[in-house]
Amino acid sequence: MNIDLNDIVKFETEKVKKAIADLEQRIVQLDRERSLVLDKANLLRRLLKINESANGNQPSTSASKLVSQRKPPKFEGMTIKDAAIAVLKEQGGKAHGKVILDALVAGGVEFTGNTPMSSLTATLIRAGDTFERAEGEKNTWRLRN
């Protein structure tokens, strides 16, 4: 018996792609929220440590230890180009500009211009030996082979 999987599993490719893109954006949002929560917790720990020191108390070891536990941003010290390469590799070699931008921002990349998307696009265009636009897909980029 010859079974064609397309007859068994039917789905709309575009809807699946959209669902994947939505989930990827949610991951970036959650990473950003996690980073903000960690920053707030560390700020509170530092305030506690300063307050304990000012009152002559020995800072609690748990507060001191927790302040130092925060991981550095994922793309700390990387150029926009290098961070975009890392994001595209994580995304399987291709991603929409918004997904790339959100991942870079969540990973700690700072953009100095007023329009980060324009800065990212300019970087990707200038590095044409590394990046190319995905044919037929608006603002979607992939790594060159």
Protein backbone atom coordinates (compact mmCIF):
# COMPACT_ATOMS: atom_id res chain seq x y z
CA MET A 1 0.00 0.00 0.00
CA ASN A 2 1.44 3.37 -1.02
CA ILE A 3 0.37 6.16 1.33
CA ASP A 4 0.88 9.81 0.45
CA LEU A 5 1.47 11.87 3.59
CA ASN A 6 -0.12 14.87 1.91
CA ASP A 7 -3.41 12.98 1.92
CA ILE A 8 -3.13 12.26 5.65
CA VAL A 9 -1.78 15.55 6.99
CA LYS A 10 -3.38 18.60 5.47
CA PHE A 11 -2.58 22.12 6.56
CA GLU A 12 -2.20 25.54 5.06
CA THR A 13 1.49 26.32 4.74
CA GLU A 14 1.02 30.07 5.11
CA LYS A 15 -0.98 29.63 8.33
CA VAL A 16 1.75 27.41 9.77
CA LYS A 17 4.45 29.92 8.76
CA LYS A 18 2.43 32.72 10.38
CA ALA A 19 2.00 30.66 13.56
CA ILE A 20 5.75 30.02 13.68
CA ALA A 21 6.51 33.72 13.18
CA ASP A 22 4.01 34.62 15.93
CA LEU A 23 5.61 32.16 18.33
CA GLU A 24 9.09 33.47 17.51
CA GLN A 25 7.94 37.01 18.24
CA ARG A 26 6.43 35.86 21.53
CA ILE A 27 9.75 34.24 22.47
CA VAL A 28 11.54 37.52 21.81
CA GLN A 29 8.93 39.38 23.89
CA LEU A 30 9.32 36.92 26.77
CA ASP A 31 13.11 37.21 26.60
CA ARG A 32 12.77 40.99 26.77
CA GLU A 33 10.33 40.76 29.71
CA ARG A 34 12.64 38.31 31.51
CA SER A 35 15.54 40.68 31.06
CA LEU A 36 13.51 43.58 32.47
CA VAL A 37 12.39 41.53 35.47
CA LEU A 38 15.99 40.46 36.16
CA ASP A 39 17.13 44.08 35.90
CA LYS A 40 14.47 45.17 38.41
CA ALA A 41 15.35 42.35 40.80
CA ASN A 42 19.04 43.19 40.60
CA LEU A 43 18.31 46.86 41.21
CA LEU A 44 16.33 45.97 44.32
CA ARG A 45 19.13 43.70 45.50
CA ARG A 46 21.65 46.50 45.04
CA LEU A 47 19.41 48.88 46.97
CA LEU A 48 19.13 46.32 49.75
CA LYS A 49 22.89 45.89 49.81
CA ILE A 50 23.46 49.68 49.95
CA ASN A 51 20.88 50.03 52.71
CA GLU A 52 22.43 47.22 54.76
CA SER A 53 25.91 48.70 54.32
CA ALA A 54 24.71 52.18 55.29
CA ASN A 55 23.16 50.79 58.47
CA GLY A 56 26.36 49.00 59.40
CA ASN A 57 24.89 45.58 58.74
CA GLN A 58 26.79 42.95 56.84
CA PRO A 59 25.06 42.53 53.49
CA SER A 60 23.28 39.23 53.29
CA THR A 61 25.20 36.68 51.28
CA SER A 62 22.12 35.68 49.33
CA ALA A 63 21.55 39.26 48.15
CA SER A 64 25.19 39.65 47.17
CA LYS A 65 25.27 36.34 45.38
CA LEU A 66 22.08 36.98 43.45
CA VAL A 67 23.30 40.35 42.15
CA SER A 68 26.20 38.63 40.44
CA GLN A 69 24.09 35.84 38.93
CA ARG A 70 22.58 37.83 36.07
CA LYS A 71 23.76 36.62 32.70
CA PRO A 72 25.25 39.20 30.35
CA PRO A 73 23.11 40.04 27.34
CA LYS A 74 23.23 37.36 24.65
CA PHE A 75 24.93 39.57 22.05
CA GLU A 76 27.08 41.67 24.38
CA GLY A 77 30.16 42.97 22.60
CA MET A 78 28.98 41.81 19.17
CA THR A 79 28.50 43.99 16.12
CA ILE A 80 25.04 44.25 14.59
CA LYS A 81 26.31 42.15 11.68
CA ASP A 82 27.68 39.36 13.90
CA ALA A 83 24.57 39.32 16.08
CA ALA A 84 22.33 39.19 12.97
CA ILE A 85 24.35 36.21 11.69
CA ALA A 86 23.78 34.44 15.03
CA VAL A 87 20.03 35.17 14.90
CA LEU A 88 19.71 33.93 11.34
CA LYS A 89 21.57 30.74 12.21
CA GLU A 90 19.18 30.20 15.14
CA GLN A 91 16.25 30.79 12.78
CA GLY A 92 17.45 28.23 10.26
CA GLY A 93 19.13 30.72 7.94
CA LYS A 94 16.14 32.95 7.14
CA ALA A 95 13.99 35.41 9.12
CA HIS A 96 11.88 38.53 8.75
CA GLY A 97 13.61 41.81 9.61
CA LYS A 98 11.27 42.38 12.58
CA VAL A 99 12.17 38.98 14.06
CA ILE A 100 15.88 39.75 13.63
CA LEU A 101 15.49 43.23 15.15
CA ASP A 102 13.47 41.99 18.13
CA ALA A 103 16.04 39.25 18.82
CA LEU A 104 18.92 41.73 18.62
CA VAL A 105 17.24 44.20 20.98
CA ALA A 106 16.31 41.40 23.41
CA GLY A 107 19.92 40.18 23.23
CA GLY A 108 21.31 43.56 24.25
CA VAL A 109 22.25 45.13 20.91
CA GLU A 110 21.82 48.89 21.13
CA PHE A 111 20.93 50.96 18.10
CA THR A 112 22.03 54.59 18.17
CA GLY A 113 19.76 55.89 15.40
CA ASN A 114 16.14 56.93 15.68
CA THR A 115 14.98 54.08 13.47
CA PRO A 116 16.56 50.76 14.47
CA MET A 117 14.94 48.90 11.56
CA SER A 118 16.59 51.28 9.10
CA SER A 119 19.93 50.82 10.85
CA LEU A 120 19.55 47.05 10.70
CA THR A 121 18.51 47.11 7.04
CA ALA A 122 21.46 49.34 6.13
CA THR A 123 23.82 46.96 7.94
CA LEU A 124 22.41 43.93 6.13
CA ILE A 125 22.61 45.67 2.75
CA ARG A 126 26.21 46.82 3.33
CA ALA A 127 27.17 43.26 4.22
CA GLY A 128 25.84 41.90 0.93
CA ASP A 129 28.51 39.22 0.92
CA THR A 130 26.89 37.73 4.03
CA PHE A 131 23.18 38.55 3.73
CA GLU A 132 20.63 38.61 0.95
CA ARG A 133 16.94 39.35 0.69
CA ALA A 134 14.75 36.28 0.47
CA GLU A 135 13.24 36.34 -2.98
CA GLY A 136 9.53 37.10 -3.05
CA GLU A 137 9.30 37.81 0.71
CA LYS A 138 9.11 41.39 1.93
CA ASN A 139 11.83 42.40 4.43
CA THR A 140 12.95 38.81 4.88
CA TRP A 141 16.65 38.07 5.01
CA ARG A 142 18.79 35.00 4.74
CA LEU A 143 22.43 34.07 4.96
CA ARG A 144 24.24 33.74 1.68
CA ASN A 145 25.67 30.31 0.95
